[in-house]
Amino acid sequence: AGIMREARSGQNIFVDGDCGYGILEPDEAFACS
């Protein structure tokens, strides 16, 4: 819920299908891991 209000094409996004969540514009430490 609510992701269509916040998401914009071209942004980085992380998706976790095991735990059921997404993160818009994750920080570099998260992305590196």
PDB file of all heavy atoms in Angstrom:
ATOM      1  N   ALA A   1       0.821  -1.214   0.000  1.00  0.00           N
ATOM      2  CA  ALA A   1       0.000   0.000   0.000  1.00  0.00           C
ATOM      3  C   ALA A   1       0.853   1.261   0.000  1.00  0.00           C
ATOM      4  O   ALA A   1       1.836   1.366   0.734  1.00  0.00           O
ATOM      5  CB  ALA A   1      -0.917  -0.004   1.223  1.00  0.00           C
ATOM      6  N   GLY A   2       0.466   2.215  -0.860  1.00  0.00           N
ATOM      7  CA  GLY A   2       1.102   3.524  -0.886  1.00  0.00           C
ATOM      8  C   GLY A   2       2.290   3.659  -1.808  1.00  0.00           C
ATOM      9  O   GLY A   2       2.775   4.778  -2.039  1.00  0.00           O
ATOM     10  N   ILE A   3       2.764   2.575  -2.378  1.00  0.00           N
ATOM     11  CA  ILE A   3       3.998   2.672  -3.168  1.00  0.00           C
ATOM     12  C   ILE A   3       3.814   3.477  -4.451  1.00  0.00           C
ATOM     13  O   ILE A   3       4.736   4.141  -4.923  1.00  0.00           O
ATOM     14  CB  ILE A   3       4.573   1.266  -3.472  1.00  0.00           C
ATOM     15  CG1 ILE A   3       6.028   1.403  -3.964  1.00  0.00           C
ATOM     16  CG2 ILE A   3       3.701   0.516  -4.480  1.00  0.00           C
ATOM     17  CD1 ILE A   3       6.796   0.124  -3.960  1.00  0.00           C
ATOM     18  N   MET A   4       2.606   3.457  -5.015  1.00  0.00           N
ATOM     19  CA  MET A   4       2.380   4.203  -6.254  1.00  0.00           C
ATOM     20  C   MET A   4       2.453   5.723  -6.035  1.00  0.00           C
ATOM     21  O   MET A   4       2.763   6.471  -6.965  1.00  0.00           O
ATOM     22  CB  MET A   4       1.030   3.825  -6.860  1.00  0.00           C
ATOM     23  CG  MET A   4       0.993   2.441  -7.487  1.00  0.00           C
ATOM     24  SD  MET A   4       2.070   2.278  -8.921  1.00  0.00           S
ATOM     25  CE  MET A   4       1.154   3.205 -10.154  1.00  0.00           C
ATOM     26  N   ARG A   5       2.175   6.172  -4.824  1.00  0.00           N
ATOM     27  CA  ARG A   5       2.271   7.612  -4.536  1.00  0.00           C
ATOM     28  C   ARG A   5       3.713   8.075  -4.473  1.00  0.00           C
ATOM     29  O   ARG A   5       4.031   9.221  -4.787  1.00  0.00           O
ATOM     30  CB  ARG A   5       1.599   7.934  -3.192  1.00  0.00           C
ATOM     31  CG  ARG A   5       0.092   7.922  -3.217  1.00  0.00           C
ATOM     32  CD  ARG A   5      -0.482   8.624  -1.986  1.00  0.00           C
ATOM     33  NE  ARG A   5       0.084   8.094  -0.749  1.00  0.00           N
ATOM     34  CZ  ARG A   5      -0.435   7.077  -0.069  1.00  0.00           C
ATOM     35  NH1 ARG A   5      -1.524   6.467  -0.521  1.00  0.00           N
ATOM     36  NH2 ARG A   5       0.128   6.649   1.047  1.00  0.00           N
ATOM     37  N   GLU A   6       4.608   7.172  -4.054  1.00  0.00           N
ATOM     38  CA  GLU A   6       5.991   7.570  -3.781  1.00  0.00           C
ATOM     39  C   GLU A   6       6.981   7.204  -4.891  1.00  0.00           C
ATOM     40  O   GLU A   6       7.970   7.900  -5.103  1.00  0.00           O
ATOM     41  CB  GLU A   6       6.468   6.917  -2.470  1.00  0.00           C
ATOM     42  CG  GLU A   6       5.603   7.246  -1.260  1.00  0.00           C
ATOM     43  CD  GLU A   6       5.770   8.683  -0.812  1.00  0.00           C
ATOM     44  OE1 GLU A   6       6.808   9.295  -1.134  1.00  0.00           O
ATOM     45  OE2 GLU A   6       4.856   9.200  -0.144  1.00  0.00           O
ATOM     46  N   ALA A   7       6.719   6.096  -5.561  1.00  0.00           N
ATOM     47  CA  ALA A   7       7.702   5.592  -6.535  1.00  0.00           C
ATOM     48  C   ALA A   7       7.711   6.429  -7.810  1.00  0.00           C
ATOM     49  O   ALA A   7       6.657   6.860  -8.294  1.00  0.00           O
ATOM     50  CB  ALA A   7       7.406   4.137  -6.864  1.00  0.00           C
ATOM     51  N   ARG A   8       8.906   6.632  -8.362  1.00  0.00           N
ATOM     52  CA  ARG A   8       9.096   7.323  -9.631  1.00  0.00           C
ATOM     53  C   ARG A   8      10.025   6.480 -10.500  1.00  0.00           C
ATOM     54  O   ARG A   8      11.012   5.915 -10.012  1.00  0.00           O
ATOM     55  CB  ARG A   8       9.717   8.713  -9.420  1.00  0.00           C
ATOM     56  CG  ARG A   8       8.892   9.645  -8.535  1.00  0.00           C
ATOM     57  CD  ARG A   8       7.623  10.101  -9.243  1.00  0.00           C
ATOM     58  NE  ARG A   8       6.837  10.996  -8.415  1.00  0.00           N
ATOM     59  CZ  ARG A   8       5.900  10.613  -7.544  1.00  0.00           C
ATOM     60  NH1 ARG A   8       5.626   9.316  -7.407  1.00  0.00           N
ATOM     61  NH2 ARG A   8       5.236  11.496  -6.825  1.00  0.00           N
ATOM     62  N   SER A   9       9.718   6.412 -11.777  1.00  0.00           N
ATOM     63  CA  SER A   9      10.585   5.670 -12.700  1.00  0.00           C
ATOM     64  C   SER A   9      12.002   6.226 -12.641  1.00  0.00           C
ATOM     65  O   SER A   9      12.198   7.444 -12.620  1.00  0.00           O
ATOM     66  CB  SER A   9      10.048   5.754 -14.126  1.00  0.00           C
ATOM     67  OG  SER A   9       8.834   5.051 -14.249  1.00  0.00           O
ATOM     68  N   GLY A  10      12.988   5.326 -12.604  1.00  0.00           N
ATOM     69  CA  GLY A  10      14.386   5.733 -12.559  1.00  0.00           C
ATOM     70  C   GLY A  10      14.996   5.666 -11.185  1.00  0.00           C
ATOM     71  O   GLY A  10      16.236   5.643 -11.039  1.00  0.00           O
ATOM     72  N   GLN A  11      14.170   5.634 -10.133  1.00  0.00           N
ATOM     73  CA  GLN A  11      14.709   5.499  -8.781  1.00  0.00           C
ATOM     74  C   GLN A  11      15.262   4.093  -8.572  1.00  0.00           C
ATOM     75  O   GLN A  11      14.810   3.137  -9.194  1.00  0.00           O
ATOM     76  CB  GLN A  11      13.606   5.746  -7.739  1.00  0.00           C
ATOM     77  CG  GLN A  11      13.114   7.168  -7.635  1.00  0.00           C
ATOM     78  CD  GLN A  11      11.997   7.283  -6.604  1.00  0.00           C
ATOM     79  OE1 GLN A  11      11.042   6.513  -6.623  1.00  0.00           O
ATOM     80  NE2 GLN A  11      12.130   8.251  -5.704  1.00  0.00           N
ATOM     81  N   ASN A  12      16.225   3.953  -7.660  1.00  0.00           N
ATOM     82  CA  ASN A  12      16.671   2.631  -7.266  1.00  0.00           C
ATOM     83  C   ASN A  12      15.643   2.036  -6.305  1.00  0.00           C
ATOM     84  O   ASN A  12      15.080   2.755  -5.462  1.00  0.00           O
ATOM     85  CB  ASN A  12      18.037   2.691  -6.569  1.00  0.00           C
ATOM     86  CG  ASN A  12      19.162   2.907  -7.553  1.00  0.00           C
ATOM     87  OD1 ASN A  12      19.072   2.487  -8.705  1.00  0.00           O
ATOM     88  ND2 ASN A  12      20.225   3.552  -7.114  1.00  0.00           N
ATOM     89  N   ILE A  13      15.412   0.755  -6.433  1.00  0.00           N
ATOM     90  CA  ILE A  13      14.463   0.095  -5.550  1.00  0.00           C
ATOM     91  C   ILE A  13      14.942  -1.319  -5.245  1.00  0.00           C
ATOM     92  O   ILE A  13      15.490  -2.010  -6.108  1.00  0.00           O
ATOM     93  CB  ILE A  13      13.039   0.072  -6.168  1.00  0.00           C
ATOM     94  CG1 ILE A  13      12.001  -0.386  -5.154  1.00  0.00           C
ATOM     95  CG2 ILE A  13      12.992  -0.794  -7.424  1.00  0.00           C
ATOM     96  CD1 ILE A  13      10.565  -0.156  -5.588  1.00  0.00           C
ATOM     97  N   PHE A  14      14.750  -1.729  -4.010  1.00  0.00           N
ATOM     98  CA  PHE A  14      15.099  -3.088  -3.566  1.00  0.00           C
ATOM     99  C   PHE A  14      13.813  -3.835  -3.288  1.00  0.00           C
ATOM    100  O   PHE A  14      12.884  -3.290  -2.683  1.00  0.00           O
ATOM    101  CB  PHE A  14      15.950  -3.019  -2.289  1.00  0.00           C
ATOM    102  CG  PHE A  14      16.182  -4.357  -1.645  1.00  0.00           C
ATOM    103  CD1 PHE A  14      17.117  -5.238  -2.159  1.00  0.00           C
ATOM    104  CD2 PHE A  14      15.459  -4.740  -0.512  1.00  0.00           C
ATOM    105  CE1 PHE A  14      17.333  -6.479  -1.568  1.00  0.00           C
ATOM    106  CE2 PHE A  14      15.659  -5.972   0.085  1.00  0.00           C
ATOM    107  CZ  PHE A  14      16.608  -6.839  -0.437  1.00  0.00           C
ATOM    108  N   VAL A  15      13.733  -5.086  -3.722  1.00  0.00           N
ATOM    109  CA  VAL A  15      12.557  -5.903  -3.463  1.00  0.00           C
ATOM    110  C   VAL A  15      12.983  -7.198  -2.780  1.00  0.00           C
ATOM    111  O   VAL A  15      13.953  -7.842  -3.191  1.00  0.00           O
ATOM    112  CB  VAL A  15      11.777  -6.206  -4.771  1.00  0.00           C
ATOM    113  CG1 VAL A  15      12.650  -6.892  -5.804  1.00  0.00           C
ATOM    114  CG2 VAL A  15      10.549  -7.068  -4.484  1.00  0.00           C
ATOM    115  N   ASP A  16      12.272  -7.549  -1.721  1.00  0.00           N
ATOM    116  CA  ASP A  16      12.518  -8.802  -0.991  1.00  0.00           C
ATOM    117  C   ASP A  16      11.234  -9.615  -1.022  1.00  0.00           C
ATOM    118  O   ASP A  16      10.289  -9.345  -0.271  1.00  0.00           O
ATOM    119  CB  ASP A  16      12.929  -8.509   0.450  1.00  0.00           C
ATOM    120  CG  ASP A  16      13.386  -9.776   1.188  1.00  0.00           C
ATOM    121  OD1 ASP A  16      12.812 -10.855   0.919  1.00  0.00           O
ATOM    122  OD2 ASP A  16      14.308  -9.687   2.014  1.00  0.00           O
ATOM    123  N   GLY A  17      11.196 -10.589  -1.906  1.00  0.00           N
ATOM    124  CA  GLY A  17      10.001 -11.414  -2.067  1.00  0.00           C
ATOM    125  C   GLY A  17       9.847 -12.470  -0.996  1.00  0.00           C
ATOM    126  O   GLY A  17       8.777 -13.059  -0.850  1.00  0.00           O
ATOM    127  N   ASP A  18      10.914 -12.736  -0.233  1.00  0.00           N
ATOM    128  CA  ASP A  18      10.821 -13.708   0.860  1.00  0.00           C
ATOM    129  C   ASP A  18      10.117 -13.103   2.072  1.00  0.00           C
ATOM    130  O   ASP A  18       9.313 -13.762   2.731  1.00  0.00           O
ATOM    131  CB  ASP A  18      12.219 -14.185   1.269  1.00  0.00           C
ATOM    132  CG  ASP A  18      12.900 -14.974   0.163  1.00  0.00           C
ATOM    133  OD1 ASP A  18      12.315 -15.965  -0.303  1.00  0.00           O
ATOM    134  OD2 ASP A  18      14.019 -14.587  -0.236  1.00  0.00           O
ATOM    135  N   CYS A  19      10.450 -11.854   2.373  1.00  0.00           N
ATOM    136  CA  CYS A  19       9.890 -11.193   3.561  1.00  0.00           C
ATOM    137  C   CYS A  19       8.740 -10.243   3.224  1.00  0.00           C
ATOM    138  O   CYS A  19       8.047  -9.769   4.130  1.00  0.00           O
ATOM    139  CB  CYS A  19      10.989 -10.432   4.306  1.00  0.00           C
ATOM    140  SG  CYS A  19      12.315 -11.512   4.894  1.00  0.00           S
ATOM    141  N   GLY A  20       8.552  -9.928   1.935  1.00  0.00           N
ATOM    142  CA  GLY A  20       7.410  -9.127   1.529  1.00  0.00           C
ATOM    143  C   GLY A  20       7.543  -7.635   1.749  1.00  0.00           C
ATOM    144  O   GLY A  20       6.655  -7.004   2.337  1.00  0.00           O
ATOM    145  N   TYR A  21       8.627  -7.055   1.267  1.00  0.00           N
ATOM    146  CA  TYR A  21       8.751  -5.598   1.364  1.00  0.00           C
ATOM    147  C   TYR A  21       9.630  -5.064   0.239  1.00  0.00           C
ATOM    148  O   TYR A  21      10.367  -5.817  -0.427  1.00  0.00           O
ATOM    149  CB  TYR A  21       9.306  -5.173   2.731  1.00  0.00           C
ATOM    150  CG  TYR A  21      10.764  -5.527   2.977  1.00  0.00           C
ATOM    151  CD1 TYR A  21      11.798  -4.654   2.619  1.00  0.00           C
ATOM    152  CD2 TYR A  21      11.108  -6.737   3.590  1.00  0.00           C
ATOM    153  CE1 TYR A  21      13.126  -4.989   2.843  1.00  0.00           C
ATOM    154  CE2 TYR A  21      12.428  -7.077   3.818  1.00  0.00           C
ATOM    155  CZ  TYR A  21      13.436  -6.200   3.447  1.00  0.00           C
ATOM    156  OH  TYR A  21      14.760  -6.524   3.673  1.00  0.00           O
ATOM    157  N   GLY A  22       9.546  -3.744   0.042  1.00  0.00           N
ATOM    158  CA  GLY A  22      10.398  -3.057  -0.917  1.00  0.00           C
ATOM    159  C   GLY A  22      10.983  -1.817  -0.263  1.00  0.00           C
ATOM    160  O   GLY A  22      10.374  -1.241   0.651  1.00  0.00           O
ATOM    161  N   ILE A  23      12.154  -1.385  -0.729  1.00  0.00           N
ATOM    162  CA  ILE A  23      12.797  -0.177  -0.194  1.00  0.00           C
ATOM    163  C   ILE A  23      13.141   0.739  -1.357  1.00  0.00           C
ATOM    164  O   ILE A  23      13.884   0.352  -2.273  1.00  0.00           O
ATOM    165  CB  ILE A  23      14.068  -0.508   0.602  1.00  0.00           C
ATOM    166  CG1 ILE A  23      13.734  -1.346   1.837  1.00  0.00           C
ATOM    167  CG2 ILE A  23      14.794   0.777   1.009  1.00  0.00           C
ATOM    168  CD1 ILE A  23      14.966  -1.794   2.615  1.00  0.00           C
ATOM    169  N   LEU A  24      12.593   1.935  -1.330  1.00  0.00           N
ATOM    170  CA  LEU A  24      12.928   2.952  -2.333  1.00  0.00           C
ATOM    171  C   LEU A  24      14.194   3.681  -1.936  1.00  0.00           C
ATOM    172  O   LEU A  24      14.365   4.066  -0.770  1.00  0.00           O
ATOM    173  CB  LEU A  24      11.787   3.966  -2.454  1.00  0.00           C
ATOM    174  CG  LEU A  24      10.665   3.664  -3.460  1.00  0.00           C
ATOM    175  CD1 LEU A  24       9.567   4.702  -3.327  1.00  0.00           C
ATOM    176  CD2 LEU A  24      11.200   3.625  -4.884  1.00  0.00           C
ATOM    177  N   GLU A  25      15.099   3.845  -2.900  1.00  0.00           N
ATOM    178  CA  GLU A  25      16.364   4.558  -2.711  1.00  0.00           C
ATOM    179  C   GLU A  25      17.127   4.079  -1.478  1.00  0.00           C
ATOM    180  O   GLU A  25      17.410   4.841  -0.554  1.00  0.00           O
ATOM    181  CB  GLU A  25      16.096   6.070  -2.604  1.00  0.00           C
ATOM    182  CG  GLU A  25      15.461   6.686  -3.846  1.00  0.00           C
ATOM    183  CD  GLU A  25      16.435   6.824  -5.019  1.00  0.00           C
ATOM    184  OE1 GLU A  25      17.338   5.974  -5.156  1.00  0.00           O
ATOM    185  OE2 GLU A  25      16.286   7.773  -5.793  1.00  0.00           O
ATOM    186  N   PRO A  26      17.506   2.776  -1.434  1.00  0.00           N
ATOM    187  CA  PRO A  26      18.301   2.269  -0.304  1.00  0.00           C
ATOM    188  C   PRO A  26      19.671   2.943  -0.270  1.00  0.00           C
ATOM    189  O   PRO A  26      20.203   3.330  -1.314  1.00  0.00           O
ATOM    190  CB  PRO A  26      18.421   0.775  -0.602  1.00  0.00           C
ATOM    191  CG  PRO A  26      18.227   0.660  -2.081  1.00  0.00           C
ATOM    192  CD  PRO A  26      17.269   1.738  -2.454  1.00  0.00           C
ATOM    193  N   ASP A  27      20.248   3.060   0.946  1.00  0.00           N
ATOM    194  CA  ASP A  27      21.553   3.733   1.050  1.00  0.00           C
ATOM    195  C   ASP A  27      22.659   2.829   0.516  1.00  0.00           C
ATOM    196  O   ASP A  27      22.466   1.629   0.274  1.00  0.00           O
ATOM    197  CB  ASP A  27      21.823   4.188   2.482  1.00  0.00           C
ATOM    198  CG  ASP A  27      21.846   3.030   3.474  1.00  0.00           C
ATOM    199  OD1 ASP A  27      22.281   1.927   3.103  1.00  0.00           O
ATOM    200  OD2 ASP A  27      21.420   3.241   4.630  1.00  0.00           O
ATOM    201  N   GLU A  28      23.856   3.382   0.376  1.00  0.00           N
ATOM    202  CA  GLU A  28      24.962   2.681  -0.277  1.00  0.00           C
ATOM    203  C   GLU A  28      25.422   1.460   0.509  1.00  0.00           C
ATOM    204  O   GLU A  28      25.795   0.434  -0.070  1.00  0.00           O
ATOM    205  CB  GLU A  28      26.137   3.636  -0.491  1.00  0.00           C
ATOM    206  CG  GLU A  28      27.277   3.056  -1.312  1.00  0.00           C
ATOM    207  CD  GLU A  28      26.831   2.478  -2.661  1.00  0.00           C
ATOM    208  OE1 GLU A  28      25.936   3.066  -3.307  1.00  0.00           O
ATOM    209  OE2 GLU A  28      27.374   1.433  -3.065  1.00  0.00           O
ATOM    210  N   ALA A  29      25.399   1.543   1.835  1.00  0.00           N
ATOM    211  CA  ALA A  29      25.830   0.403   2.652  1.00  0.00           C
ATOM    212  C   ALA A  29      24.911  -0.803   2.421  1.00  0.00           C
ATOM    213  O   ALA A  29      25.369  -1.945   2.286  1.00  0.00           O
ATOM    214  CB  ALA A  29      25.832   0.791   4.129  1.00  0.00           C
ATOM    215  N   PHE A  30      23.618  -0.537   2.357  1.00  0.00           N
ATOM    216  CA  PHE A  30      22.641  -1.591   2.108  1.00  0.00           C
ATOM    217  C   PHE A  30      22.859  -2.181   0.720  1.00  0.00           C
ATOM    218  O   PHE A  30      22.887  -3.402   0.536  1.00  0.00           O
ATOM    219  CB  PHE A  30      21.224  -1.012   2.226  1.00  0.00           C
ATOM    220  CG  PHE A  30      20.133  -2.028   2.044  1.00  0.00           C
ATOM    221  CD1 PHE A  30      19.541  -2.618   3.137  1.00  0.00           C
ATOM    222  CD2 PHE A  30      19.704  -2.401   0.768  1.00  0.00           C
ATOM    223  CE1 PHE A  30      18.528  -3.568   2.972  1.00  0.00           C
ATOM    224  CE2 PHE A  30      18.703  -3.341   0.594  1.00  0.00           C
ATOM    225  CZ  PHE A  30      18.117  -3.931   1.710  1.00  0.00           C
ATOM    226  N   ALA A  31      23.025  -1.318  -0.274  1.00  0.00           N
ATOM    227  CA  ALA A  31      23.199  -1.766  -1.654  1.00  0.00           C
ATOM    228  C   ALA A  31      24.466  -2.598  -1.817  1.00  0.00           C
ATOM    229  O   ALA A  31      24.482  -3.612  -2.523  1.00  0.00           O
ATOM    230  CB  ALA A  31      23.232  -0.557  -2.585  1.00  0.00           C
ATOM    231  N   CYS A  32      25.530  -2.190  -1.140  1.00  0.00           N
ATOM    232  CA  CYS A  32      26.814  -2.896  -1.242  1.00  0.00           C
ATOM    233  C   CYS A  32      26.699  -4.310  -0.673  1.00  0.00           C
ATOM    234  O   CYS A  32      27.185  -5.273  -1.259  1.00  0.00           O
ATOM    235  CB  CYS A  32      27.892  -2.108  -0.505  1.00  0.00           C
ATOM    236  SG  CYS A  32      29.541  -2.817  -0.671  1.00  0.00           S
ATOM    237  N   SER A  33      26.032  -4.446   0.465  1.00  0.00           N
ATOM    238  CA  SER A  33      25.843  -5.752   1.090  1.00  0.00           C
ATOM    239  C   SER A  33      25.031  -6.675   0.183  1.00  0.00           C
ATOM    240  O   SER A  33      25.347  -7.853   0.023  1.00  0.00           O
ATOM    241  CB  SER A  33      25.132  -5.568   2.434  1.00  0.00           C
ATOM    242  OG  SER A  33      24.810  -6.824   2.987  1.00  0.00           O
TER     243      SER A  33
END
